[in-house]
Amino acid sequence: MGDLSVAEASRYLNVSPRRVRALLANGRLPGRQVAGRWLLPSDAVERRQQVAPPAGRLLSPASAWRVLAVLAHADYALECLSPPLRSRARARAAALRLHQPAEIPKQWRLALQDRAQVREFYAHSSVLRDLLDDPMFVRSGISAAHDHGADLMVLGGAEGYVRSADLAHVQDRYALNPEAGPHANVRLHVVEEDEACWLFDQHLAPAAVVAADLVERDTPRDRTAGVKLASRL
């Protein structure tokens, strides 16, 4: 279907060119540079348009993780906050719980999509099990859906969270290739050190975080599983 320039993609998505470049930088849109210009696959831009959140203000990473802490019943993560910040996080979490299933993908993306940078890699199948068991890696998304009762079992891939400080080490240890393209089988959500400390107290992400990951994926089956998880919170 061809490629789109940043300007063309911004018109198609009804966002600014700066927002398109941010989506490229955090891995939420694929693209490649040719002679210093970004080119984006038109089919990827079309998929983004179909599931993109409505116009509005995204939560900051810190705010998004506070909301997820509430949804995950990790109240201890809010103890150091001022009462107004705790109240705001709880109110936002309550608002997310009120959405009907058909609204969940857009509304959850709108609130939570900036919680981490998404990086995709290719890894040899022989290292995937070790990656999933690595203490630096918190299983989530397609690698944790079944643990929370979702009707979704994915083999041959890995999805989870790593701290930004650990990314280079994980990438080197498992020979993760960032030039994966359509062969990507590892999806890492990279979190800044101090934004989600409570998440890294466990090896399996709670259902709320898993749901947030699944509703952002391109595959309808994954999104449906995420909606079902979110609806049970």
C-alpha atoms as a PDB file:
ATOM      1  CA  MET A   1       0.000   0.000   0.000  1.00  0.00           C
ATOM      2  CA  GLY A   2       3.043   2.279   0.067  1.00  0.00           C
ATOM      3  CA  ASP A   3       4.515   4.627   2.635  1.00  0.00           C
ATOM      4  CA  LEU A   4       3.442   7.935   4.104  1.00  0.00           C
ATOM      5  CA  SER A   5       5.513  10.929   5.106  1.00  0.00           C
ATOM      6  CA  VAL A   6       5.216  12.376   8.619  1.00  0.00           C
ATOM      7  CA  ALA A   7       3.047  15.200   7.259  1.00  0.00           C
ATOM      8  CA  GLU A   8       0.741  12.769   5.432  1.00  0.00           C
ATOM      9  CA  ALA A   9       0.424  10.542   8.489  1.00  0.00           C
ATOM     10  CA  SER A  10      -0.364  13.528  10.704  1.00  0.00           C
ATOM     11  CA  ARG A  11      -3.209  14.594   8.389  1.00  0.00           C
ATOM     12  CA  TYR A  12      -4.555  11.035   8.265  1.00  0.00           C
ATOM     13  CA  LEU A  13      -4.471  10.653  12.054  1.00  0.00           C
ATOM     14  CA  ASN A  14      -5.599  14.234  12.713  1.00  0.00           C
ATOM     15  CA  VAL A  15      -2.638  14.894  15.013  1.00  0.00           C
ATOM     16  CA  SER A  16       0.378  17.171  14.756  1.00  0.00           C
ATOM     17  CA  PRO A  17       3.583  16.106  12.960  1.00  0.00           C
ATOM     18  CA  ARG A  18       5.294  16.409  16.346  1.00  0.00           C
ATOM     19  CA  ARG A  19       2.912  13.786  17.765  1.00  0.00           C
ATOM     20  CA  VAL A  20       3.676  11.451  14.839  1.00  0.00           C
ATOM     21  CA  ARG A  21       7.407  11.796  15.516  1.00  0.00           C
ATOM     22  CA  ALA A  22       6.766  11.014  19.195  1.00  0.00           C
ATOM     23  CA  LEU A  23       4.863   7.876  18.190  1.00  0.00           C
ATOM     24  CA  LEU A  24       7.808   6.856  16.021  1.00  0.00           C
ATOM     25  CA  ALA A  25      10.279   7.537  18.835  1.00  0.00           C
ATOM     26  CA  ASN A  26       8.446   5.407  21.400  1.00  0.00           C
ATOM     27  CA  GLY A  27       7.751   2.558  18.999  1.00  0.00           C
ATOM     28  CA  ARG A  28       3.984   3.012  18.772  1.00  0.00           C
ATOM     29  CA  LEU A  29       4.258   3.549  15.020  1.00  0.00           C
ATOM     30  CA  PRO A  30       6.765   1.718  12.825  1.00  0.00           C
ATOM     31  CA  GLY A  31       8.828   3.608  10.291  1.00  0.00           C
ATOM     32  CA  ARG A  32      12.185   3.909   8.612  1.00  0.00           C
ATOM     33  CA  GLN A  33      14.426   6.789   7.650  1.00  0.00           C
ATOM     34  CA  VAL A  34      15.331   7.315   4.011  1.00  0.00           C
ATOM     35  CA  ALA A  35      17.658  10.195   3.177  1.00  0.00           C
ATOM     36  CA  GLY A  36      16.852  11.760   6.544  1.00  0.00           C
ATOM     37  CA  ARG A  37      13.058  11.540   6.112  1.00  0.00           C
ATOM     38  CA  TRP A  38      10.723   9.264   8.053  1.00  0.00           C
ATOM     39  CA  LEU A  39       8.481   6.966   6.030  1.00  0.00           C
ATOM     40  CA  LEU A  40       5.629   5.119   7.712  1.00  0.00           C
ATOM     41  CA  PRO A  41       3.822   2.040   6.319  1.00  0.00           C
ATOM     42  CA  SER A  42       0.342   3.180   5.339  1.00  0.00           C
ATOM     43  CA  ASP A  43      -1.283   0.028   6.689  1.00  0.00           C
ATOM     44  CA  ALA A  44       0.245   0.664  10.141  1.00  0.00           C
ATOM     45  CA  VAL A  45      -1.041   4.245  10.084  1.00  0.00           C
ATOM     46  CA  GLU A  46      -4.475   2.958   9.109  1.00  0.00           C
ATOM     47  CA  ARG A  47      -4.481   0.488  12.020  1.00  0.00           C
ATOM     48  CA  ARG A  48      -3.440   3.275  14.373  1.00  0.00           C
ATOM     49  CA  GLN A  49      -6.317   5.419  13.137  1.00  0.00           C
ATOM     50  CA  GLN A  50      -8.813   2.618  13.753  1.00  0.00           C
ATOM     51  CA  VAL A  51      -7.831   2.158  17.402  1.00  0.00           C
ATOM     52  CA  ALA A  52      -6.473   5.624  18.232  1.00  0.00           C
ATOM     53  CA  PRO A  53      -7.923   7.386  21.277  1.00  0.00           C
ATOM     54  CA  PRO A  54     -10.106  10.440  20.777  1.00  0.00           C
ATOM     55  CA  ALA A  55      -8.459  13.826  20.997  1.00  0.00           C
ATOM     56  CA  GLY A  56      -7.650  14.780  24.561  1.00  0.00           C
ATOM     57  CA  ARG A  57      -4.926  15.085  27.119  1.00  0.00           C
ATOM     58  CA  LEU A  58      -2.854  11.994  27.826  1.00  0.00           C
ATOM     59  CA  LEU A  59      -1.905  11.214  31.385  1.00  0.00           C
ATOM     60  CA  SER A  60       1.749  11.599  32.240  1.00  0.00           C
ATOM     61  CA  PRO A  61       3.641   8.346  32.886  1.00  0.00           C
ATOM     62  CA  ALA A  62       3.600   8.998  36.641  1.00  0.00           C
ATOM     63  CA  SER A  63      -0.155   9.680  36.651  1.00  0.00           C
ATOM     64  CA  ALA A  64      -0.851   6.614  34.520  1.00  0.00           C
ATOM     65  CA  TRP A  65       1.039   4.371  36.934  1.00  0.00           C
ATOM     66  CA  ARG A  66      -0.853   5.826  39.885  1.00  0.00           C
ATOM     67  CA  VAL A  67      -4.132   4.945  38.197  1.00  0.00           C
ATOM     68  CA  LEU A  68      -2.873   1.441  37.444  1.00  0.00           C
ATOM     69  CA  ALA A  69      -1.801   1.047  41.065  1.00  0.00           C
ATOM     70  CA  VAL A  70      -5.367   1.786  42.134  1.00  0.00           C
ATOM     71  CA  LEU A  71      -6.809  -0.636  39.574  1.00  0.00           C
ATOM     72  CA  ALA A  72      -4.311  -3.279  40.721  1.00  0.00           C
ATOM     73  CA  HIS A  73      -5.161  -2.723  44.419  1.00  0.00           C
ATOM     74  CA  ALA A  74      -1.535  -1.741  45.058  1.00  0.00           C
ATOM     75  CA  ASP A  75      -2.591   1.020  47.447  1.00  0.00           C
ATOM     76  CA  TYR A  76       0.790   1.027  49.172  1.00  0.00           C
ATOM     77  CA  ALA A  77       2.195   2.643  46.005  1.00  0.00           C
ATOM     78  CA  LEU A  78       0.145   5.767  46.786  1.00  0.00           C
ATOM     79  CA  GLU A  79       1.140   6.147  50.444  1.00  0.00           C
ATOM     80  CA  CYS A  80       3.843   8.725  49.750  1.00  0.00           C
ATOM     81  CA  LEU A  81       1.488  10.945  47.704  1.00  0.00           C
ATOM     82  CA  SER A  82      -0.391  13.971  48.955  1.00  0.00           C
ATOM     83  CA  PRO A  83      -4.118  13.435  49.626  1.00  0.00           C
ATOM     84  CA  PRO A  84      -5.144  15.413  46.478  1.00  0.00           C
ATOM     85  CA  LEU A  85      -2.942  13.218  44.258  1.00  0.00           C
ATOM     86  CA  ARG A  86      -4.317  10.047  45.829  1.00  0.00           C
ATOM     87  CA  SER A  87      -7.875  11.264  45.341  1.00  0.00           C
ATOM     88  CA  ARG A  88      -7.196  12.167  41.723  1.00  0.00           C
ATOM     89  CA  ALA A  89      -5.717   8.741  40.969  1.00  0.00           C
ATOM     90  CA  ARG A  90      -8.699   6.991  42.559  1.00  0.00           C
ATOM     91  CA  ALA A  91     -11.174   9.166  40.685  1.00  0.00           C
ATOM     92  CA  ARG A  92      -9.475   8.459  37.371  1.00  0.00           C
ATOM     93  CA  ALA A  93      -9.424   4.729  38.106  1.00  0.00           C
ATOM     94  CA  ALA A  94     -13.118   4.825  38.986  1.00  0.00           C
ATOM     95  CA  ALA A  95     -13.857   6.595  35.703  1.00  0.00           C
ATOM     96  CA  LEU A  96     -12.026   3.895  33.731  1.00  0.00           C
ATOM     97  CA  ARG A  97     -14.061   1.200  35.485  1.00  0.00           C
ATOM     98  CA  LEU A  98     -17.306   2.847  34.342  1.00  0.00           C
ATOM     99  CA  HIS A  99     -16.668   2.479  30.622  1.00  0.00           C
ATOM    100  CA  GLN A 100     -18.685  -0.001  28.618  1.00  0.00           C
ATOM    101  CA  PRO A 101     -16.697  -2.771  26.838  1.00  0.00           C
ATOM    102  CA  ALA A 102     -16.986  -1.067  23.458  1.00  0.00           C
ATOM    103  CA  GLU A 103     -15.385   2.087  24.894  1.00  0.00           C
ATOM    104  CA  ILE A 104     -12.556   0.440  26.812  1.00  0.00           C
ATOM    105  CA  PRO A 105      -9.869   0.212  24.085  1.00  0.00           C
ATOM    106  CA  LYS A 106     -10.022   3.924  23.224  1.00  0.00           C
ATOM    107  CA  GLN A 107     -10.517   5.210  26.754  1.00  0.00           C
ATOM    108  CA  TRP A 108      -7.804   3.065  28.325  1.00  0.00           C
ATOM    109  CA  ARG A 109      -5.369   4.025  25.574  1.00  0.00           C
ATOM    110  CA  LEU A 110      -6.214   7.675  26.076  1.00  0.00           C
ATOM    111  CA  ALA A 111      -5.484   7.496  29.773  1.00  0.00           C
ATOM    112  CA  LEU A 112      -2.572   5.076  29.922  1.00  0.00           C
ATOM    113  CA  GLN A 113      -0.692   4.802  26.653  1.00  0.00           C
ATOM    114  CA  ASP A 114       2.244   6.991  27.704  1.00  0.00           C
ATOM    115  CA  ARG A 115       3.087   4.845  30.749  1.00  0.00           C
ATOM    116  CA  ALA A 116       6.043   3.225  28.930  1.00  0.00           C
ATOM    117  CA  GLN A 117       7.980   3.199  25.693  1.00  0.00           C
ATOM    118  CA  VAL A 118       7.272   0.161  23.542  1.00  0.00           C
ATOM    119  CA  ARG A 119      10.254  -1.526  21.896  1.00  0.00           C
ATOM    120  CA  GLU A 120       9.984  -4.565  19.622  1.00  0.00           C
ATOM    121  CA  PHE A 121      12.749  -7.085  18.955  1.00  0.00           C
ATOM    122  CA  TYR A 122      13.435 -10.468  17.450  1.00  0.00           C
ATOM    123  CA  ALA A 123      14.846 -13.169  19.721  1.00  0.00           C
ATOM    124  CA  HIS A 124      15.775 -16.738  18.884  1.00  0.00           C
ATOM    125  CA  SER A 125      13.158 -19.144  20.194  1.00  0.00           C
ATOM    126  CA  SER A 126      15.761 -20.885  22.380  1.00  0.00           C
ATOM    127  CA  VAL A 127      16.093 -17.839  24.683  1.00  0.00           C
ATOM    128  CA  LEU A 128      12.445 -16.897  25.121  1.00  0.00           C
ATOM    129  CA  ARG A 129      11.867 -19.115  28.153  1.00  0.00           C
ATOM    130  CA  ASP A 130      14.899 -17.687  29.935  1.00  0.00           C
ATOM    131  CA  LEU A 131      13.790 -14.147  29.099  1.00  0.00           C
ATOM    132  CA  LEU A 132      10.340 -14.788  30.544  1.00  0.00           C
ATOM    133  CA  ASP A 133      11.948 -16.127  33.739  1.00  0.00           C
ATOM    134  CA  ASP A 134      14.501 -13.320  34.073  1.00  0.00           C
ATOM    135  CA  PRO A 135      14.087 -11.390  37.363  1.00  0.00           C
ATOM    136  CA  MET A 136      14.557  -8.123  35.454  1.00  0.00           C
ATOM    137  CA  PHE A 137      11.499  -8.945  33.339  1.00  0.00           C
ATOM    138  CA  VAL A 138       7.877  -8.607  34.513  1.00  0.00           C
ATOM    139  CA  ARG A 139       5.622 -10.777  32.372  1.00  0.00           C
ATOM    140  CA  SER A 140       2.607  -8.964  30.977  1.00  0.00           C
ATOM    141  CA  GLY A 141       0.405  -8.668  27.898  1.00  0.00           C
ATOM    142  CA  ILE A 142       0.255 -11.839  25.837  1.00  0.00           C
ATOM    143  CA  SER A 143       2.747 -13.498  28.212  1.00  0.00           C
ATOM    144  CA  ALA A 144       0.490 -13.054  31.246  1.00  0.00           C
ATOM    145  CA  ALA A 145      -3.073 -13.049  29.890  1.00  0.00           C
ATOM    146  CA  HIS A 146      -3.630 -16.754  30.503  1.00  0.00           C
ATOM    147  CA  ASP A 147      -2.412 -16.413  34.116  1.00  0.00           C
ATOM    148  CA  HIS A 148      -5.313 -14.037  34.745  1.00  0.00           C
ATOM    149  CA  GLY A 149      -7.924 -16.299  33.199  1.00  0.00           C
ATOM    150  CA  ALA A 150      -8.032 -14.748  29.738  1.00  0.00           C
ATOM    151  CA  ASP A 151      -8.855 -17.039  26.838  1.00  0.00           C
ATOM    152  CA  LEU A 152      -5.541 -16.260  25.178  1.00  0.00           C
ATOM    153  CA  MET A 153      -2.449 -18.436  24.968  1.00  0.00           C
ATOM    154  CA  VAL A 154       0.429 -17.227  22.811  1.00  0.00           C
ATOM    155  CA  LEU A 155       3.506 -19.361  22.202  1.00  0.00           C
ATOM    156  CA  GLY A 156       6.701 -18.281  20.489  1.00  0.00           C
ATOM    157  CA  GLY A 157       6.721 -14.732  21.803  1.00  0.00           C
ATOM    158  CA  ALA A 158       7.346 -12.669  24.927  1.00  0.00           C
ATOM    159  CA  GLU A 159       5.884  -9.454  26.303  1.00  0.00           C
ATOM    160  CA  GLY A 160       6.727  -7.685  29.505  1.00  0.00           C
ATOM    161  CA  TYR A 161       8.200  -4.733  31.367  1.00  0.00           C
ATOM    162  CA  VAL A 162      11.814  -3.790  31.994  1.00  0.00           C
ATOM    163  CA  ARG A 163      13.359  -0.768  33.642  1.00  0.00           C
ATOM    164  CA  SER A 164      15.101   1.625  31.279  1.00  0.00           C
ATOM    165  CA  ALA A 165      18.329   1.107  33.246  1.00  0.00           C
ATOM    166  CA  ASP A 166      18.144  -2.645  32.533  1.00  0.00           C
ATOM    167  CA  LEU A 167      17.226  -2.481  28.851  1.00  0.00           C
ATOM    168  CA  ALA A 168      20.749  -2.608  27.424  1.00  0.00           C
ATOM    169  CA  HIS A 169      21.679  -5.523  29.671  1.00  0.00           C
ATOM    170  CA  VAL A 170      18.549  -7.503  28.744  1.00  0.00           C
ATOM    171  CA  GLN A 171      19.032  -6.742  25.069  1.00  0.00           C
ATOM    172  CA  ASP A 172      22.637  -7.941  25.185  1.00  0.00           C
ATOM    173  CA  ARG A 173      21.998 -11.023  27.339  1.00  0.00           C
ATOM    174  CA  TYR A 174      19.335 -12.396  24.995  1.00  0.00           C
ATOM    175  CA  ALA A 175      20.759 -11.037  21.725  1.00  0.00           C
ATOM    176  CA  LEU A 176      17.572  -9.080  21.041  1.00  0.00           C
ATOM    177  CA  ASN A 177      17.617  -7.705  17.521  1.00  0.00           C
ATOM    178  CA  PRO A 178      15.874  -4.303  17.181  1.00  0.00           C
ATOM    179  CA  GLU A 179      15.789  -4.600  13.369  1.00  0.00           C
ATOM    180  CA  ALA A 180      13.002  -7.166  13.637  1.00  0.00           C
ATOM    181  CA  GLY A 181      10.318  -5.665  11.401  1.00  0.00           C
ATOM    182  CA  PRO A 182       7.455  -8.116  10.836  1.00  0.00           C
ATOM    183  CA  HIS A 183       9.484 -10.889  12.516  1.00  0.00           C
ATOM    184  CA  ALA A 184       9.358  -9.236  15.959  1.00  0.00           C
ATOM    185  CA  ASN A 185       8.464 -11.703  18.693  1.00  0.00           C
ATOM    186  CA  VAL A 186       9.496  -9.741  21.800  1.00  0.00           C
ATOM    187  CA  ARG A 187       7.608  -6.657  22.976  1.00  0.00           C
ATOM    188  CA  LEU A 188       9.220  -4.718  25.804  1.00  0.00           C
ATOM    189  CA  HIS A 189       7.495  -1.939  27.705  1.00  0.00           C
ATOM    190  CA  VAL A 190      10.357   0.205  28.972  1.00  0.00           C
ATOM    191  CA  VAL A 191       9.663   2.141  32.170  1.00  0.00           C
ATOM    192  CA  GLU A 192      11.715   4.882  33.751  1.00  0.00           C
ATOM    193  CA  GLU A 193      13.300   3.892  37.043  1.00  0.00           C
ATOM    194  CA  ASP A 194      11.079   5.771  39.489  1.00  0.00           C
ATOM    195  CA  GLU A 195       7.688   5.658  37.737  1.00  0.00           C
ATOM    196  CA  ALA A 196       6.469   2.139  38.547  1.00  0.00           C
ATOM    197  CA  CYS A 197       8.594   0.795  41.388  1.00  0.00           C
ATOM    198  CA  TRP A 198       5.654  -1.210  42.723  1.00  0.00           C
ATOM    199  CA  LEU A 199       5.336  -3.141  39.448  1.00  0.00           C
ATOM    200  CA  PHE A 200       8.854  -4.563  39.777  1.00  0.00           C
ATOM    201  CA  ASP A 201       8.073  -6.043  43.186  1.00  0.00           C
ATOM    202  CA  GLN A 202       6.522  -8.960  41.284  1.00  0.00           C
ATOM    203  CA  HIS A 203       7.333 -11.166  38.316  1.00  0.00           C
ATOM    204  CA  LEU A 204       3.794 -11.315  36.912  1.00  0.00           C
ATOM    205  CA  ALA A 205       2.040  -8.042  36.114  1.00  0.00           C
ATOM    206  CA  PRO A 206      -1.394  -7.592  37.724  1.00  0.00           C
ATOM    207  CA  ALA A 207      -4.522  -7.933  35.620  1.00  0.00           C
ATOM    208  CA  ALA A 208      -4.936  -4.166  35.226  1.00  0.00           C
ATOM    209  CA  VAL A 209      -1.503  -3.781  33.616  1.00  0.00           C
ATOM    210  CA  VAL A 210      -2.040  -6.851  31.426  1.00  0.00           C
ATOM    211  CA  ALA A 211      -5.378  -5.432  30.266  1.00  0.00           C
ATOM    212  CA  ALA A 212      -3.760  -2.079  29.419  1.00  0.00           C
ATOM    213  CA  ASP A 213      -1.163  -3.879  27.287  1.00  0.00           C
ATOM    214  CA  LEU A 214      -3.663  -6.072  25.474  1.00  0.00           C
ATOM    215  CA  VAL A 215      -6.092  -3.306  24.497  1.00  0.00           C
ATOM    216  CA  GLU A 216      -3.219  -1.509  22.757  1.00  0.00           C
ATOM    217  CA  ARG A 217      -2.319  -4.403  20.485  1.00  0.00           C
ATOM    218  CA  ASP A 218      -3.264  -4.564  16.812  1.00  0.00           C
ATOM    219  CA  THR A 219      -4.776  -8.047  16.860  1.00  0.00           C
ATOM    220  CA  PRO A 220      -8.550  -8.054  17.542  1.00  0.00           C
ATOM    221  CA  ARG A 221      -8.274 -11.256  19.580  1.00  0.00           C
ATOM    222  CA  ASP A 222      -5.695  -9.637  21.892  1.00  0.00           C
ATOM    223  CA  ARG A 223      -7.810  -6.499  22.311  1.00  0.00           C
ATOM    224  CA  THR A 224     -10.903  -8.583  23.080  1.00  0.00           C
ATOM    225  CA  ALA A 225      -8.996 -10.430  25.800  1.00  0.00           C
ATOM    226  CA  GLY A 226      -7.860  -7.088  27.221  1.00  0.00           C
ATOM    227  CA  VAL A 227     -11.397  -5.724  27.252  1.00  0.00           C
ATOM    228  CA  LYS A 228     -12.642  -8.796  29.145  1.00  0.00           C
ATOM    229  CA  LEU A 229      -9.884  -8.435  31.726  1.00  0.00           C
ATOM    230  CA  ALA A 230     -10.543  -4.708  32.149  1.00  0.00           C
ATOM    231  CA  SER A 231     -14.276  -5.319  32.532  1.00  0.00           C
ATOM    232  CA  ARG A 232     -13.658  -7.628  35.500  1.00  0.00           C
ATOM    233  CA  LEU A 233     -11.598  -5.151  37.523  1.00  0.00           C
END
